[in-house]
Amino acid sequence: MKNFIILFIFLAFGLLTTTESNAQNNTNASESVRKLIAKKRAFNKQFGYGYRIQLYYGNETKARSTQSKFNVLFPGNYTKLDYNQPYWKVLVGNYKTKLEADKAMMNFSEKFSGLIVIPLGK
C-alpha cells in the first residue's frame, strides 16, 4: 500500500510538470504573438534601438580633444567618434531608454554644454 501511494505521488507530479512545460512552449505558438514579434524586430532594424548623447558636432581636432577630455573626466563610459562629411560627432553611451540618457546627460552637463540625446539608427 505504501509503495502504491509513493508511485501515485510521483505519477501525479510527473503529469503536472509535463502539463506546465507544454503550456510554456505554446506561448509563442500564437500567430498574433509571432506577428507582433516580427513587427518589433522590423521596427528595431529600421529605426535602431536605444539612445546616445552627442557631446560635440564640428571639426576633427576639436572633436578628438572633446573625446579625450570626456574620457579623462568620466572614465569607463563608452565614447564614439562619428564622421558625417564634413563634420565630426562625439557620441557617448549606449542607453536603452531616453530617460536613462537624460539622467546621464544631467551628470555630463556640469562639464559640457550643448548636449543632446540622439536615437540610434538615425
N, C-alpha and C. Protein backbone atom coordinates (compact mmCIF):
# COMPACT_ATOMS: atom_id res chain seq x y z
N MET A 1 0.82 -1.19 0.00
CA MET A 1 0.00 0.00 0.00
C MET A 1 0.86 1.26 0.00
N LYS A 2 1.95 1.22 0.79
CA LYS A 2 2.85 2.37 0.89
C LYS A 2 3.51 2.63 -0.46
N ASN A 3 3.90 1.58 -1.16
CA ASN A 3 4.51 1.73 -2.49
C ASN A 3 3.53 2.31 -3.49
N PHE A 4 2.26 1.95 -3.38
CA PHE A 4 1.22 2.46 -4.26
C PHE A 4 1.06 3.98 -4.08
N ILE A 5 1.09 4.46 -2.85
CA ILE A 5 0.95 5.90 -2.58
C ILE A 5 2.15 6.66 -3.13
N ILE A 6 3.34 6.15 -2.93
CA ILE A 6 4.55 6.80 -3.44
C ILE A 6 4.52 6.83 -4.97
N LEU A 7 4.12 5.72 -5.60
CA LEU A 7 4.02 5.66 -7.06
C LEU A 7 2.98 6.67 -7.57
N PHE A 8 1.86 6.77 -6.88
CA PHE A 8 0.81 7.72 -7.26
C PHE A 8 1.31 9.17 -7.16
N ILE A 9 2.05 9.49 -6.11
CA ILE A 9 2.58 10.85 -5.95
C ILE A 9 3.56 11.19 -7.07
N PHE A 10 4.46 10.27 -7.40
CA PHE A 10 5.41 10.52 -8.49
C PHE A 10 4.70 10.66 -9.83
N LEU A 11 3.70 9.84 -10.05
CA LEU A 11 2.93 9.90 -11.29
C LEU A 11 2.19 11.23 -11.41
N ALA A 12 1.54 11.66 -10.33
CA ALA A 12 0.81 12.93 -10.32
C ALA A 12 1.78 14.10 -10.54
N PHE A 13 2.92 14.06 -9.88
CA PHE A 13 3.92 15.12 -10.04
C PHE A 13 4.43 15.17 -11.48
N GLY A 14 4.65 14.01 -12.07
CA GLY A 14 5.11 13.94 -13.45
C GLY A 14 4.10 14.52 -14.43
N LEU A 15 2.83 14.22 -14.22
CA LEU A 15 1.78 14.75 -15.09
C LEU A 15 1.66 16.26 -14.96
N LEU A 16 1.73 16.78 -13.75
CA LEU A 16 1.64 18.23 -13.55
C LEU A 16 2.81 18.96 -14.19
N THR A 17 3.99 18.42 -14.06
CA THR A 17 5.18 19.04 -14.65
C THR A 17 5.09 19.04 -16.16
N THR A 18 4.64 17.97 -16.76
CA THR A 18 4.50 17.88 -18.21
C THR A 18 3.49 18.89 -18.72
N THR A 19 2.38 19.03 -18.03
CA THR A 19 1.33 19.97 -18.44
C THR A 19 1.84 21.40 -18.39
N GLU A 20 2.56 21.76 -17.33
CA GLU A 20 3.08 23.12 -17.19
C GLU A 20 4.11 23.43 -18.27
N SER A 21 4.99 22.49 -18.57
CA SER A 21 6.00 22.75 -19.59
C SER A 21 5.37 22.87 -20.97
N ASN A 22 4.31 22.14 -21.24
CA ASN A 22 3.59 22.27 -22.51
C ASN A 22 2.95 23.64 -22.63
N ALA A 23 2.39 24.14 -21.57
CA ALA A 23 1.75 25.45 -21.59
C ALA A 23 2.77 26.54 -21.88
N GLN A 24 3.97 26.42 -21.34
CA GLN A 24 5.00 27.41 -21.58
C GLN A 24 5.50 27.37 -23.02
N ASN A 25 5.54 26.22 -23.63
CA ASN A 25 6.02 26.11 -25.00
C ASN A 25 5.03 26.67 -26.01
N ASN A 26 3.76 26.74 -25.66
CA ASN A 26 2.75 27.22 -26.57
C ASN A 26 2.60 28.74 -26.56
N THR A 27 3.38 29.44 -25.76
CA THR A 27 3.25 30.89 -25.64
C THR A 27 3.50 31.58 -26.98
N ASN A 28 4.55 31.22 -27.67
CA ASN A 28 4.89 31.86 -28.94
C ASN A 28 4.25 31.17 -30.14
N ALA A 29 3.41 30.18 -29.89
CA ALA A 29 2.77 29.47 -30.99
C ALA A 29 1.62 30.28 -31.58
N SER A 30 1.12 31.24 -30.85
CA SER A 30 0.01 32.06 -31.34
C SER A 30 0.47 32.89 -32.53
N GLU A 31 -0.34 32.92 -33.56
CA GLU A 31 0.00 33.67 -34.77
C GLU A 31 0.12 35.16 -34.49
N SER A 32 -0.76 35.70 -33.66
CA SER A 32 -0.73 37.14 -33.37
C SER A 32 0.53 37.51 -32.61
N VAL A 33 1.01 36.65 -31.72
CA VAL A 33 2.25 36.92 -30.98
C VAL A 33 3.44 36.91 -31.93
N ARG A 34 3.48 35.94 -32.83
CA ARG A 34 4.58 35.88 -33.80
C ARG A 34 4.59 37.10 -34.70
N LYS A 35 3.42 37.58 -35.12
CA LYS A 35 3.34 38.77 -35.96
C LYS A 35 3.83 40.00 -35.20
N LEU A 36 3.46 40.10 -33.94
CA LEU A 36 3.88 41.24 -33.12
C LEU A 36 5.40 41.24 -32.92
N ILE A 37 5.97 40.09 -32.67
CA ILE A 37 7.42 39.98 -32.52
C ILE A 37 8.12 40.36 -33.82
N ALA A 38 7.60 39.92 -34.94
CA ALA A 38 8.19 40.26 -36.24
C ALA A 38 8.12 41.76 -36.50
N LYS A 39 7.00 42.40 -36.15
CA LYS A 39 6.87 43.85 -36.32
C LYS A 39 7.89 44.59 -35.48
N LYS A 40 8.07 44.15 -34.23
CA LYS A 40 9.03 44.81 -33.32
C LYS A 40 10.44 44.66 -33.85
N ARG A 41 10.80 43.50 -34.36
CA ARG A 41 12.14 43.29 -34.91
C ARG A 41 12.37 44.16 -36.15
N ALA A 42 11.35 44.28 -37.00
CA ALA A 42 11.47 45.11 -38.20
C ALA A 42 11.62 46.58 -37.81
N PHE A 43 10.88 47.02 -36.81
CA PHE A 43 10.98 48.41 -36.35
C PHE A 43 12.37 48.69 -35.81
N ASN A 44 12.90 47.79 -34.97
CA ASN A 44 14.23 47.98 -34.40
C ASN A 44 15.30 47.98 -35.48
N LYS A 45 15.13 47.15 -36.51
CA LYS A 45 16.10 47.10 -37.59
C LYS A 45 16.10 48.40 -38.39
N GLN A 46 14.92 48.97 -38.60
CA GLN A 46 14.80 50.19 -39.40
C GLN A 46 15.21 51.44 -38.63
N PHE A 47 14.76 51.56 -37.40
CA PHE A 47 14.98 52.79 -36.65
C PHE A 47 16.03 52.68 -35.57
N GLY A 48 16.58 51.51 -35.37
CA GLY A 48 17.58 51.35 -34.32
C GLY A 48 16.92 51.18 -32.97
N TYR A 49 17.74 51.00 -31.98
CA TYR A 49 17.21 50.76 -30.65
C TYR A 49 18.15 51.41 -29.66
N GLY A 50 17.67 52.36 -28.91
CA GLY A 50 18.46 52.98 -27.88
C GLY A 50 18.82 54.42 -28.20
N TYR A 51 19.64 54.99 -27.33
CA TYR A 51 19.98 56.41 -27.42
C TYR A 51 21.45 56.63 -27.08
N ARG A 52 21.99 57.71 -27.60
CA ARG A 52 23.33 58.18 -27.25
C ARG A 52 23.26 59.68 -27.01
N ILE A 53 24.27 60.19 -26.33
CA ILE A 53 24.36 61.63 -26.07
C ILE A 53 25.42 62.21 -26.99
N GLN A 54 25.06 63.28 -27.70
CA GLN A 54 26.02 63.96 -28.57
C GLN A 54 26.68 65.07 -27.77
N LEU A 55 28.02 64.97 -27.64
CA LEU A 55 28.78 65.98 -26.91
C LEU A 55 29.22 67.13 -27.80
N TYR A 56 29.58 66.79 -29.03
CA TYR A 56 30.16 67.81 -29.91
C TYR A 56 29.83 67.48 -31.36
N TYR A 57 29.72 68.54 -32.16
CA TYR A 57 29.48 68.43 -33.59
C TYR A 57 30.28 69.53 -34.27
N GLY A 58 31.32 69.13 -35.01
CA GLY A 58 32.16 70.14 -35.65
C GLY A 58 33.40 69.54 -36.27
N ASN A 59 34.54 70.28 -36.16
CA ASN A 59 35.77 69.83 -36.83
C ASN A 59 36.47 68.70 -36.08
N GLU A 60 37.39 68.04 -36.77
CA GLU A 60 38.01 66.82 -36.25
C GLU A 60 38.88 67.06 -35.03
N THR A 61 39.73 68.07 -35.05
CA THR A 61 40.66 68.28 -33.94
C THR A 61 39.90 68.60 -32.64
N LYS A 62 38.89 69.43 -32.74
CA LYS A 62 38.09 69.77 -31.55
C LYS A 62 37.30 68.54 -31.08
N ALA A 63 36.84 67.72 -32.02
CA ALA A 63 36.10 66.50 -31.66
C ALA A 63 37.01 65.54 -30.90
N ARG A 64 38.22 65.35 -31.39
CA ARG A 64 39.15 64.44 -30.71
C ARG A 64 39.54 64.96 -29.33
N SER A 65 39.74 66.27 -29.21
CA SER A 65 40.08 66.83 -27.89
C SER A 65 38.89 66.72 -26.93
N THR A 66 37.68 66.90 -27.43
CA THR A 66 36.48 66.75 -26.60
C THR A 66 36.34 65.32 -26.11
N GLN A 67 36.59 64.36 -27.00
CA GLN A 67 36.52 62.96 -26.62
C GLN A 67 37.57 62.63 -25.55
N SER A 68 38.78 63.12 -25.73
CA SER A 68 39.84 62.88 -24.75
C SER A 68 39.49 63.49 -23.39
N LYS A 69 38.99 64.73 -23.41
CA LYS A 69 38.60 65.40 -22.17
C LYS A 69 37.49 64.62 -21.46
N PHE A 70 36.52 64.13 -22.23
CA PHE A 70 35.43 63.36 -21.64
C PHE A 70 35.96 62.08 -21.01
N ASN A 71 36.87 61.38 -21.72
CA ASN A 71 37.40 60.12 -21.20
C ASN A 71 38.18 60.32 -19.91
N VAL A 72 38.82 61.48 -19.76
CA VAL A 72 39.55 61.78 -18.53
C VAL A 72 38.56 62.08 -17.39
N LEU A 73 37.53 62.88 -17.69
CA LEU A 73 36.57 63.28 -16.65
C LEU A 73 35.61 62.17 -16.26
N PHE A 74 35.21 61.33 -17.22
CA PHE A 74 34.24 60.27 -16.96
C PHE A 74 34.77 58.94 -17.50
N PRO A 75 35.78 58.36 -16.84
CA PRO A 75 36.33 57.09 -17.34
C PRO A 75 35.30 55.96 -17.23
N GLY A 76 35.40 55.02 -18.14
CA GLY A 76 34.51 53.87 -18.12
C GLY A 76 33.24 54.05 -18.94
N ASN A 77 33.01 55.23 -19.49
CA ASN A 77 31.85 55.45 -20.35
C ASN A 77 32.25 55.25 -21.80
N TYR A 78 31.36 54.64 -22.57
CA TYR A 78 31.61 54.38 -23.98
C TYR A 78 31.56 55.69 -24.76
N THR A 79 32.59 55.94 -25.58
CA THR A 79 32.59 57.12 -26.47
C THR A 79 32.85 56.66 -27.89
N LYS A 80 32.34 57.44 -28.84
CA LYS A 80 32.49 57.09 -30.24
C LYS A 80 32.63 58.36 -31.05
N LEU A 81 33.58 58.35 -31.97
CA LEU A 81 33.71 59.43 -32.96
C LEU A 81 32.98 58.99 -34.22
N ASP A 82 32.12 59.86 -34.71
CA ASP A 82 31.34 59.54 -35.90
C ASP A 82 31.58 60.63 -36.94
N TYR A 83 31.90 60.23 -38.16
CA TYR A 83 32.17 61.20 -39.22
C TYR A 83 31.02 61.22 -40.21
N ASN A 84 30.39 62.39 -40.31
CA ASN A 84 29.32 62.61 -41.27
C ASN A 84 29.76 63.83 -42.08
N GLN A 85 30.32 63.61 -43.22
CA GLN A 85 31.02 64.61 -44.01
C GLN A 85 30.27 65.94 -44.05
N PRO A 86 30.86 67.04 -43.74
CA PRO A 86 32.25 67.30 -43.36
C PRO A 86 32.44 67.43 -41.86
N TYR A 87 31.49 67.00 -41.06
CA TYR A 87 31.55 67.22 -39.62
C TYR A 87 31.78 65.93 -38.84
N TRP A 88 32.35 66.10 -37.65
CA TRP A 88 32.60 65.00 -36.73
C TRP A 88 31.66 65.14 -35.53
N LYS A 89 31.22 64.00 -35.01
CA LYS A 89 30.39 63.97 -33.82
C LYS A 89 31.11 63.17 -32.74
N VAL A 90 30.95 63.61 -31.51
CA VAL A 90 31.40 62.82 -30.36
C VAL A 90 30.15 62.32 -29.67
N LEU A 91 29.96 61.00 -29.68
CA LEU A 91 28.78 60.36 -29.10
C LEU A 91 29.19 59.57 -27.86
N VAL A 92 28.31 59.58 -26.87
CA VAL A 92 28.62 58.95 -25.59
C VAL A 92 27.50 57.99 -25.20
N GLY A 93 27.88 56.82 -24.73
CA GLY A 93 26.96 55.89 -24.10
C GLY A 93 26.13 55.05 -25.04
N ASN A 94 25.53 54.05 -24.45
CA ASN A 94 24.53 53.18 -25.08
C ASN A 94 23.41 53.04 -24.06
N TYR A 95 22.35 53.79 -24.24
CA TYR A 95 21.25 53.81 -23.29
C TYR A 95 20.01 53.20 -23.94
N LYS A 96 19.30 52.37 -23.18
CA LYS A 96 18.11 51.71 -23.72
C LYS A 96 16.94 52.67 -23.84
N THR A 97 16.77 53.54 -22.86
CA THR A 97 15.63 54.44 -22.86
C THR A 97 16.09 55.89 -22.87
N LYS A 98 15.22 56.77 -23.30
CA LYS A 98 15.53 58.20 -23.32
C LYS A 98 15.69 58.71 -21.89
N LEU A 99 14.96 58.14 -20.96
CA LEU A 99 15.06 58.54 -19.56
C LEU A 99 16.47 58.28 -19.01
N GLU A 100 17.04 57.11 -19.32
CA GLU A 100 18.41 56.80 -18.90
C GLU A 100 19.39 57.80 -19.50
N ALA A 101 19.21 58.11 -20.78
CA ALA A 101 20.10 59.06 -21.45
C ALA A 101 19.96 60.45 -20.85
N ASP A 102 18.75 60.86 -20.52
CA ASP A 102 18.54 62.18 -19.92
C ASP A 102 19.19 62.28 -18.55
N LYS A 103 19.10 61.20 -17.76
CA LYS A 103 19.74 61.19 -16.44
C LYS A 103 21.26 61.32 -16.57
N ALA A 104 21.84 60.58 -17.51
CA ALA A 104 23.29 60.65 -17.71
C ALA A 104 23.68 62.04 -18.23
N MET A 105 22.85 62.61 -19.09
CA MET A 105 23.14 63.93 -19.64
C MET A 105 23.19 64.99 -18.55
N MET A 106 22.37 64.82 -17.52
CA MET A 106 22.40 65.76 -16.39
C MET A 106 23.77 65.74 -15.72
N ASN A 107 24.38 64.57 -15.58
CA ASN A 107 25.71 64.46 -14.97
C ASN A 107 26.77 65.10 -15.86
N PHE A 108 26.67 64.89 -17.16
CA PHE A 108 27.68 65.39 -18.09
C PHE A 108 27.54 66.88 -18.33
N SER A 109 26.35 67.43 -18.13
CA SER A 109 26.12 68.85 -18.45
C SER A 109 26.86 69.78 -17.51
N GLU A 110 27.37 69.28 -16.39
CA GLU A 110 28.16 70.11 -15.48
C GLU A 110 29.49 70.50 -16.14
N LYS A 111 30.03 69.62 -16.97
CA LYS A 111 31.34 69.85 -17.59
C LYS A 111 31.25 70.22 -19.07
N PHE A 112 30.15 69.85 -19.74
CA PHE A 112 30.00 70.09 -21.17
C PHE A 112 28.67 70.81 -21.42
N SER A 113 28.64 71.64 -22.45
CA SER A 113 27.40 72.34 -22.79
C SER A 113 26.94 71.94 -24.18
N GLY A 114 25.68 72.17 -24.47
CA GLY A 114 25.15 71.88 -25.79
C GLY A 114 24.91 70.41 -26.05
N LEU A 115 24.66 69.63 -25.02
CA LEU A 115 24.43 68.20 -25.15
C LEU A 115 23.03 67.93 -25.66
N ILE A 116 22.91 66.93 -26.52
CA ILE A 116 21.59 66.50 -26.96
C ILE A 116 21.54 64.97 -27.00
N VAL A 117 20.34 64.43 -26.79
CA VAL A 117 20.12 62.98 -26.84
C VAL A 117 19.68 62.62 -28.24
N ILE A 118 20.36 61.61 -28.83
CA ILE A 118 20.08 61.20 -30.21
C ILE A 118 19.66 59.73 -30.22
N PRO A 119 18.53 59.42 -30.88
CA PRO A 119 18.17 58.00 -31.02
C PRO A 119 19.14 57.29 -31.95
N LEU A 120 19.46 56.04 -31.66
CA LEU A 120 20.34 55.26 -32.52
C LEU A 120 19.62 54.92 -33.82
N GLY A 121 20.37 54.81 -34.86
CA GLY A 121 19.83 54.43 -36.14
C GLY A 121 19.37 55.62 -36.97
N LYS A 122 19.55 56.82 -36.47
CA LYS A 122 19.13 57.98 -37.23
C LYS A 122 20.30 58.89 -37.48
